Structure formats: C-alpha cells, structure tokens
Amino acid sequence: MQQTSLSGQSVAAGLVRGFLDYAEARGAGRARLLAHSGIAETALTDQDARIPMAAYRALLDEAAAETGDGAIAIRFSIGTELDRLSIVGLIVHSSASVADSLVQLNRYSRLMVEVDVMNGAERFSVGGERGEIWITDNRPDPNSFPALSENAFARFIGEFRRGFPGRPFALEIEFTHPRPAHAETTAELYRVPIRYDAPRNALRMDPVWLTTEFDGTSGYVFGIFAERADALMQRLETDRTARGRLEAALLPILHQGDVTIETVAAGLGMSRQTLYRRLRAEETSFAAVLDALRFRMASDYLSARKVSVNQTAYLVGFSEPSSFVRAFRRWTGKTPTAFLAANASRATSG
C-alpha cells in the first residue's frame, strides 16, 4: 500500500493543546513532549492555529511511550468534550440529528484534522447493509496513521456516551490495520467488539439514531458557529492549491449564479490566464471546479433537509429550479426529489 505523505496537512492547535494537557496530567513531561514533536508552546495559544500533522503524530507517539499507555489518544478522545477543543464540536452539538451532524462533520472536520479524501469524497459516509448501519471513514491509506481512525470513532462513542448515558451508539467497529499492542485496552474503552485487518475502517451504529431528533438545537446559534467555521475553512484553503483557493473564493458568491473566471481571478489577485494555467496544471478547469462545488453544496443542503429544492437551487447559483433539476440529474442520475426520498428511505431502513 502506497504511503500517504503528511506534508502540508495540519491539525487544530486546540486539539493539540488539549491532548498535551491530558498527557501531562497522566505523567508525561510537557517539555519533553514539546521538544520531541518540535511544537512551540506559543504556537498553541490560538486554538484555531494550525500545527503540522507530522508534529501531532510525533506528540501522540511520544506521549504513548512516556506514559506506557498505547491507547492514551483513544482514552483522551473518548473522555474529552469536543466542544472544548474546537468550533467543530460546537457545530456538531447544535445539529438537529445524527444525519445533520454527519453533514456538518464532513463539511468542517478539516478544521480539526486535515485529511484530503480523494476525488472530493466525504470523510465519513453512512451506508446500510443487511439491516445494519455503518459509518465509514474514507480517508486514503489509513494504515499509515491508524490513530486518526481510532480517535475519530472514539469521539463518536464518547460524545454519545456523555450525552445519552445508557443508550449505546456504537455496536461494533472494524479497522484495516493489524491488531495493535493496545488492542485489549481499546476494546475496554470502546466497549464494543473490534475486528482488525478488515477491508475498511467503519463503525456500526444503532439504527435508532438515524430517526432520533436532538433537543435544544438553535438555528441562530448554529448560524453563528457556521459563519465562523466558514471563515476558518477559507483561511485554511488560502495559499494552498489553485483549486482550493478557487473554491474558497466561490463559496460566498456561489448563489450569485453568473460567476465568471475573470471576476474570481481578479478577486484572487491574478489574471484570467494565470488562474487558467494553474488549474490546468492541477488537471482541472474553472467550469469543472464550479460544477463540482455546486454539486457538493447541493448534496449537503438537501441531505441536511434544512432547505427546500427551490431554495437549494438558488443557494448554489441556479436562477431557475428547472435548470437545477437537470444539473442534479446529470450529477446523480436522480432528481432532487428522488434524492431526498432515497435518503429518507435509507435513514429508516433496517
């Protein structure tokens, strides 16, 4: 299996600082952890700052070595409230349901841990099989850094364990990596059966959660959190790929519909020819990026079921709902209404 480079990927400083504090409380030397990982204490002041992924991995490894606890990162992920570490936790907690929270997690999870899933796929997908509902972690080459999947599933378990004690969320887990030395401790922390050397990284959840609505959600509060997260996402994309910069520029004006490469290029501080050339070097084009972004955002809006088909058409830049319906059929082979019905059917199956 080809190794995935960690170069260029990053982690939120709030997550790193939270784990550092936790490891220190469990006996690890803070100065040694920082020195080994190459992280400066001052870099952790702003929880939304970015820490290189390689430094984060070195921190996890050193903490496990110093404490003698190979599952320390899993223990931290289960036991720590996500909203204390990142705005992503605040957004997830203000979601209306599990389905909605997964939409938001896919949208904003890079603010916590930056993972580039290939071909624009979602980090977490939900699928049903034989009456079972599975959440799959789709990150590429997962065995190059197994802790990312271990910790992600630990967060799912921990959040539901705190919010709904006595109502299990996870029923079993599969990992693609071989059985680690800390497997027995991991099973005790997860409290579910675990299978290693599996074909995927996935968590089987109790289907009842697909039809459970959360209490106390606030659209106003959610909007404030999402606005802040969108700004952070735009900052994260800045100075990265031409595609990433283009998407960040398109998002706030997507609803305007008649968006031209000349207008966006000028906003990015480059000529039309320069933007065209940089996109071509990445084997894409302005039209392809715009089309893919419209599809992704339309799917998000419809999956969250917060807006109607006509509203979705406007939000992604179509002046006529009929044009949006034709585009959506081209993207998915279905009309938006059929897409909604299929999602509703999957949510209630099993």
Protein backbone atom coordinates (compact mmCIF):
# COMPACT_ATOMS: atom_id res chain seq x y z
CA MET A 1 0.00 0.00 0.00
CA GLN A 2 1.36 3.39 -1.00
CA GLN A 3 2.29 5.65 1.88
CA THR A 4 0.41 8.94 2.22
CA SER A 5 2.64 11.91 2.98
CA LEU A 6 1.70 14.05 5.98
CA SER A 7 3.44 17.05 4.41
CA GLY A 8 1.14 20.04 4.14
CA GLN A 9 -1.57 18.53 6.34
CA SER A 10 -2.30 20.06 9.72
CA VAL A 11 -4.24 19.78 12.97
CA ALA A 12 -6.04 22.43 15.01
CA ALA A 13 -3.90 23.83 17.82
CA GLY A 14 -6.84 23.43 20.23
CA LEU A 15 -6.80 19.67 19.71
CA VAL A 16 -3.02 19.52 20.17
CA ARG A 17 -3.11 21.66 23.31
CA GLY A 18 -5.94 19.57 24.76
CA PHE A 19 -4.02 16.35 24.24
CA LEU A 20 -0.80 17.88 25.56
CA ASP A 21 -2.56 18.93 28.78
CA TYR A 22 -4.12 15.48 29.09
CA ALA A 23 -0.83 13.64 28.57
CA GLU A 24 0.91 15.89 31.10
CA ALA A 25 -1.83 15.15 33.66
CA ARG A 26 -1.18 11.43 33.13
CA GLY A 27 2.52 11.75 33.90
CA ALA A 28 4.21 12.72 30.64
CA GLY A 29 6.74 15.55 30.73
CA ARG A 30 5.37 18.58 28.92
CA ALA A 31 8.76 19.93 27.94
CA ARG A 32 9.85 16.54 26.58
CA LEU A 33 6.63 16.18 24.58
CA LEU A 34 7.07 19.60 23.03
CA ALA A 35 10.74 19.06 22.29
CA HIS A 36 10.17 15.64 20.73
CA SER A 37 7.35 16.90 18.49
CA GLY A 38 9.02 20.20 17.63
CA ILE A 39 5.96 22.18 18.74
CA ALA A 40 6.43 25.57 20.37
CA GLU A 41 4.21 26.34 23.36
CA THR A 42 3.42 29.74 21.86
CA ALA A 43 2.01 28.05 18.76
CA LEU A 44 -0.83 26.65 20.89
CA THR A 45 -2.20 29.97 22.17
CA ASP A 46 -4.85 30.29 19.45
CA GLN A 47 -6.94 27.11 19.29
CA ASP A 48 -7.67 27.76 15.60
CA ALA A 49 -3.99 27.97 14.65
CA ARG A 50 -2.55 25.06 12.68
CA ILE A 51 0.04 22.51 13.79
CA PRO A 52 1.75 20.25 11.22
CA MET A 53 0.32 16.73 11.12
CA ALA A 54 3.77 15.19 11.43
CA ALA A 55 4.32 17.10 14.69
CA TYR A 56 0.94 15.92 16.00
CA ARG A 57 1.81 12.31 15.22
CA ALA A 58 5.17 12.66 16.96
CA LEU A 59 3.35 14.07 20.00
CA LEU A 60 0.97 11.09 20.16
CA ASP A 61 3.82 8.60 19.81
CA GLU A 62 5.94 10.24 22.49
CA ALA A 63 3.01 10.51 24.91
CA ALA A 64 2.28 6.80 24.47
CA ALA A 65 5.94 5.97 25.07
CA GLU A 66 6.29 8.18 28.16
CA THR A 67 3.07 7.02 29.82
CA GLY A 68 3.34 3.39 28.75
CA ASP A 69 -0.25 3.68 27.50
CA GLY A 70 -0.57 2.86 23.80
CA ALA A 71 -4.25 3.81 23.94
CA ILE A 72 -3.75 7.22 25.54
CA ALA A 73 -5.01 9.08 22.46
CA ILE A 74 -8.15 6.92 22.37
CA ARG A 75 -8.66 7.50 26.09
CA PHE A 76 -8.35 11.25 25.54
CA SER A 77 -10.72 11.22 22.56
CA ILE A 78 -13.43 9.34 24.43
CA GLY A 79 -13.09 11.33 27.63
CA THR A 80 -12.82 14.90 26.32
CA GLU A 81 -15.75 17.01 25.13
CA LEU A 82 -15.21 18.04 21.53
CA ASP A 83 -16.73 21.50 22.00
CA ARG A 84 -13.94 22.34 24.44
CA LEU A 85 -11.36 21.82 21.72
CA SER A 86 -12.82 23.20 18.52
CA ILE A 87 -15.70 25.08 16.95
CA VAL A 88 -16.41 21.82 15.12
CA GLY A 89 -17.70 20.42 18.41
CA LEU A 90 -19.99 23.41 18.91
CA ILE A 91 -21.42 22.94 15.42
CA VAL A 92 -21.97 19.21 15.89
CA HIS A 93 -23.65 19.80 19.26
CA SER A 94 -26.03 22.34 17.72
CA SER A 95 -27.09 19.98 14.92
CA ALA A 96 -30.66 18.70 14.82
CA SER A 97 -29.92 14.99 14.35
CA VAL A 98 -27.21 12.41 13.72
CA ALA A 99 -27.70 12.75 9.97
CA ASP A 100 -27.33 16.52 10.22
CA SER A 101 -24.29 16.29 12.48
CA LEU A 102 -22.56 13.99 9.96
CA VAL A 103 -23.22 16.51 7.18
CA GLN A 104 -21.64 19.25 9.29
CA LEU A 105 -18.76 16.99 10.34
CA ASN A 106 -17.96 16.25 6.72
CA ARG A 107 -18.11 19.93 5.92
CA TYR A 108 -15.90 21.13 8.75
CA SER A 109 -13.87 18.15 10.01
CA ARG A 110 -10.73 19.50 8.33
CA LEU A 111 -10.73 22.31 10.88
CA MET A 112 -9.90 19.63 13.47
CA VAL A 113 -7.78 17.18 11.48
CA GLU A 114 -6.94 18.00 7.89
CA VAL A 115 -7.43 14.91 5.76
CA ASP A 116 -7.73 15.22 2.00
CA VAL A 117 -10.10 12.48 0.87
CA MET A 118 -9.51 11.65 -2.78
CA ASN A 119 -11.81 12.79 -5.60
CA GLY A 120 -13.81 15.11 -3.38
CA ALA A 121 -15.38 12.24 -1.44
CA GLU A 122 -16.70 12.74 2.08
CA ARG A 123 -14.54 11.80 5.07
CA PHE A 124 -17.42 9.92 6.70
CA SER A 125 -20.18 8.14 4.79
CA VAL A 126 -23.21 6.28 6.08
CA GLY A 127 -24.45 3.11 4.42
CA GLY A 128 -26.86 0.30 5.13
CA GLU A 129 -26.31 -3.40 4.54
CA ARG A 130 -28.25 -6.44 5.76
CA GLY A 131 -30.26 -4.17 8.03
CA GLU A 132 -27.10 -2.71 9.60
CA ILE A 133 -25.99 0.95 9.51
CA TRP A 134 -22.26 1.67 9.19
CA ILE A 135 -20.29 4.92 9.37
CA THR A 136 -17.17 4.50 7.22
CA ASP A 137 -14.00 6.59 7.47
CA ASN A 138 -12.94 7.08 3.83
CA ARG A 139 -9.52 8.67 4.31
CA PRO A 140 -6.89 7.26 1.93
CA ASP A 141 -4.08 4.96 3.12
CA PRO A 142 -5.48 4.68 6.65
CA ASN A 143 -2.81 2.25 7.85
CA SER A 144 -0.13 4.94 7.53
CA PHE A 145 -1.65 6.65 10.59
CA PRO A 146 -4.19 4.32 12.28
CA ALA A 147 -4.68 6.65 15.26
CA LEU A 148 -6.74 9.04 13.13
CA SER A 149 -9.50 6.46 12.63
CA GLU A 150 -9.17 5.11 16.18
CA ASN A 151 -9.56 8.59 17.63
CA ALA A 152 -12.40 9.58 15.29
CA PHE A 153 -14.52 6.61 16.33
CA ALA A 154 -13.59 7.22 19.96
CA ARG A 155 -15.05 10.73 19.66
CA PHE A 156 -18.33 9.39 18.27
CA ILE A 157 -18.55 6.97 21.19
CA GLY A 158 -17.54 9.49 23.84
CA GLU A 159 -19.93 12.22 22.70
CA PHE A 160 -22.94 9.89 22.73
CA ARG A 161 -21.89 8.23 25.96
CA ARG A 162 -21.89 11.61 27.70
CA GLY A 163 -25.00 12.98 26.03
CA PHE A 164 -27.12 9.84 26.18
CA PRO A 165 -25.89 7.58 29.00
CA GLY A 166 -27.44 4.15 28.87
CA ARG A 167 -28.28 4.42 25.15
CA PRO A 168 -25.50 2.76 23.13
CA PHE A 169 -24.43 4.36 19.87
CA ALA A 170 -21.72 2.01 18.57
CA LEU A 171 -22.36 -1.74 18.23
CA GLU A 172 -19.09 -2.90 16.64
CA ILE A 173 -16.02 -1.49 14.88
CA GLU A 174 -13.77 -2.59 12.01
CA PHE A 175 -10.21 -1.42 11.39
CA THR A 176 -7.99 -2.02 8.38
CA HIS A 177 -4.76 -2.01 10.40
CA PRO A 178 -3.39 -5.11 12.15
CA ARG A 179 -4.22 -5.78 15.79
CA PRO A 180 -2.06 -3.37 17.84
CA ALA A 181 -0.42 -3.97 21.21
CA HIS A 182 -3.08 -1.80 22.85
CA ALA A 183 -6.00 -3.74 21.32
CA GLU A 184 -7.24 -5.11 24.64
CA THR A 185 -7.29 -1.66 26.23
CA THR A 186 -9.01 -0.25 23.14
CA ALA A 187 -11.79 -2.84 23.45
CA GLU A 188 -12.27 -1.92 27.11
CA LEU A 189 -12.55 1.78 26.19
CA TYR A 190 -14.88 1.31 23.22
CA ARG A 191 -16.96 -1.39 24.97
CA VAL A 192 -17.82 -2.98 21.61
CA PRO A 193 -16.36 -5.86 19.56
CA ILE A 194 -13.48 -4.86 17.27
CA ARG A 195 -12.24 -6.61 14.14
CA TYR A 196 -8.77 -5.81 12.77
CA ASP A 197 -7.33 -6.45 9.28
CA ALA A 198 -10.79 -5.59 7.94
CA PRO A 199 -11.41 -4.21 4.44
CA ARG A 200 -12.50 -0.82 5.80
CA ASN A 201 -12.49 1.46 8.83
CA ALA A 202 -16.10 1.54 9.95
CA LEU A 203 -18.35 1.81 13.00
CA ARG A 204 -21.72 0.05 13.14
CA MET A 205 -24.27 2.25 14.86
CA ASP A 206 -27.66 1.51 16.35
CA PRO A 207 -30.18 2.38 13.56
CA VAL A 208 -32.45 4.10 16.07
CA TRP A 209 -30.16 7.14 15.96
CA LEU A 210 -30.99 7.84 12.31
CA THR A 211 -34.54 8.79 13.28
CA THR A 212 -33.72 10.48 16.60
CA GLU A 213 -34.01 14.26 16.74
CA PHE A 214 -31.87 16.20 19.23
CA ASP A 215 -33.43 18.61 21.69
CA GLY A 216 -32.36 22.17 22.37
CA THR A 217 -30.89 22.98 18.94
CA SER A 218 -30.83 26.62 17.87
CA GLY A 219 -30.73 27.73 14.26
CA TYR A 220 -29.44 31.15 15.29
CA VAL A 221 -26.57 29.74 17.34
CA PHE A 222 -25.81 27.21 14.62
CA GLY A 223 -25.59 30.05 12.08
CA ILE A 224 -23.08 31.95 14.20
CA PHE A 225 -20.87 28.89 14.60
CA ALA A 226 -21.12 28.02 10.90
CA GLU A 227 -20.19 31.55 9.86
CA ARG A 228 -17.07 31.40 12.00
CA ALA A 229 -16.22 27.92 10.71
CA ASP A 230 -16.66 29.01 7.10
CA ALA A 231 -14.19 31.82 7.68
CA LEU A 232 -11.70 29.36 9.16
CA MET A 233 -12.20 26.98 6.24
CA GLN A 234 -11.48 29.80 3.84
CA ARG A 235 -8.31 30.66 5.77
CA LEU A 236 -7.27 27.01 5.72
CA GLU A 237 -7.55 26.91 1.95
CA THR A 238 -5.61 30.13 1.44
CA ASP A 239 -2.23 29.68 -0.23
CA ARG A 240 -2.86 26.04 -0.98
CA THR A 241 -3.90 24.58 -4.32
CA ALA A 242 -5.37 26.72 -7.05
CA ARG A 243 -8.50 24.57 -6.80
CA GLY A 244 -8.71 25.15 -3.05
CA ARG A 245 -8.27 28.90 -3.45
CA LEU A 246 -10.87 28.94 -6.21
CA GLU A 247 -13.40 27.02 -4.10
CA ALA A 248 -12.84 29.36 -1.16
CA ALA A 249 -13.46 32.34 -3.44
CA LEU A 250 -16.57 30.78 -5.00
CA LEU A 251 -18.33 29.74 -1.80
CA PRO A 252 -19.51 33.21 -0.67
CA ILE A 253 -20.66 34.19 -4.18
CA LEU A 254 -21.99 30.81 -5.36
CA HIS A 255 -25.59 31.99 -5.02
CA GLN A 256 -24.99 34.83 -7.49
CA GLY A 257 -25.14 32.36 -10.35
CA ASP A 258 -23.40 34.28 -13.13
CA VAL A 259 -19.85 33.85 -11.81
CA THR A 260 -17.03 34.28 -14.32
CA ILE A 261 -13.41 33.24 -14.23
CA GLU A 262 -12.39 36.85 -14.87
CA THR A 263 -14.22 38.08 -11.76
CA VAL A 264 -12.87 35.35 -9.49
CA ALA A 265 -9.32 35.63 -10.85
CA ALA A 266 -9.33 39.37 -10.14
CA GLY A 267 -10.51 38.67 -6.59
CA LEU A 268 -7.62 36.25 -6.16
CA GLY A 269 -5.15 38.85 -7.37
CA MET A 270 -4.22 37.11 -10.62
CA SER A 271 -5.09 37.30 -14.28
CA ARG A 272 -7.55 35.02 -16.01
CA GLN A 273 -4.69 33.39 -17.89
CA THR A 274 -2.73 32.71 -14.70
CA LEU A 275 -5.71 31.08 -12.95
CA TYR A 276 -6.47 29.05 -16.08
CA ARG A 277 -2.86 27.87 -16.29
CA ARG A 278 -2.67 26.91 -12.60
CA LEU A 279 -5.93 24.97 -12.76
CA ARG A 280 -4.77 23.19 -15.89
CA ALA A 281 -1.56 22.19 -14.09
CA GLU A 282 -3.79 20.53 -11.49
CA GLU A 283 -5.70 18.79 -14.30
CA THR A 284 -8.93 20.68 -13.78
CA SER A 285 -10.73 23.79 -15.03
CA PHE A 286 -12.83 26.68 -13.75
CA ALA A 287 -16.02 25.09 -15.09
CA ALA A 288 -15.21 21.71 -13.52
CA VAL A 289 -14.47 23.21 -10.10
CA LEU A 290 -17.63 25.33 -10.17
CA ASP A 291 -19.75 22.36 -11.24
CA ALA A 292 -18.28 20.06 -8.57
CA LEU A 293 -18.72 22.70 -5.87
CA ARG A 294 -22.35 23.23 -6.83
CA PHE A 295 -22.96 19.50 -6.64
CA ARG A 296 -21.24 19.13 -3.27
CA MET A 297 -23.08 22.04 -1.70
CA ALA A 298 -26.42 20.99 -3.19
CA SER A 299 -25.96 17.50 -1.74
CA ASP A 300 -25.09 18.99 1.65
CA TYR A 301 -28.12 21.29 1.67
CA LEU A 302 -30.52 18.55 0.62
CA SER A 303 -29.04 15.92 2.91
CA ALA A 304 -29.37 18.22 5.90
CA ARG A 305 -33.03 18.83 4.93
CA LYS A 306 -32.81 22.40 6.16
CA VAL A 307 -33.85 23.99 2.85
CA SER A 308 -36.24 23.16 0.02
CA VAL A 309 -35.28 22.11 -3.50
CA ASN A 310 -36.07 25.59 -4.83
CA GLN A 311 -34.03 27.24 -2.08
CA THR A 312 -31.13 24.87 -2.77
CA ALA A 313 -31.27 25.80 -6.46
CA TYR A 314 -30.86 29.47 -5.54
CA LEU A 315 -28.11 28.85 -2.97
CA VAL A 316 -25.91 27.03 -5.49
CA GLY A 317 -26.41 29.60 -8.24
CA PHE A 318 -29.32 28.47 -10.44
CA SER A 319 -31.85 31.17 -11.35
CA GLU A 320 -34.40 28.57 -12.49
CA PRO A 321 -35.29 25.42 -10.48
CA SER A 322 -35.74 23.52 -13.74
CA SER A 323 -32.08 24.14 -14.63
CA PHE A 324 -31.04 22.90 -11.20
CA VAL A 325 -33.14 19.73 -11.61
CA ARG A 326 -31.44 18.99 -14.96
CA ALA A 327 -28.00 19.56 -13.45
CA PHE A 328 -28.78 17.40 -10.44
CA ARG A 329 -29.97 14.57 -12.68
CA ARG A 330 -26.69 14.87 -14.59
CA TRP A 331 -24.71 14.67 -11.32
CA THR A 332 -26.57 11.81 -9.70
CA GLY A 333 -28.94 10.24 -12.22
CA LYS A 334 -31.82 11.34 -9.96
CA THR A 335 -34.00 14.38 -9.47
CA PRO A 336 -33.52 16.29 -6.20
CA THR A 337 -36.89 14.97 -5.02
CA ALA A 338 -35.85 11.37 -5.73
CA PHE A 339 -32.54 12.01 -3.96
CA LEU A 340 -34.41 13.21 -0.86
CA ALA A 341 -36.71 10.19 -0.96
CA ALA A 342 -33.78 7.79 -1.26
CA ASN A 343 -32.04 9.44 1.71
CA ALA A 344 -35.21 9.22 3.79
CA SER A 345 -35.61 5.54 2.86
CA ARG A 346 -32.02 4.73 3.86
CA ALA A 347 -32.49 6.55 7.16
CA THR A 348 -35.50 4.43 8.07
CA SER A 349 -34.31 1.08 6.68
CA GLY A 350 -33.03 -1.60 8.97
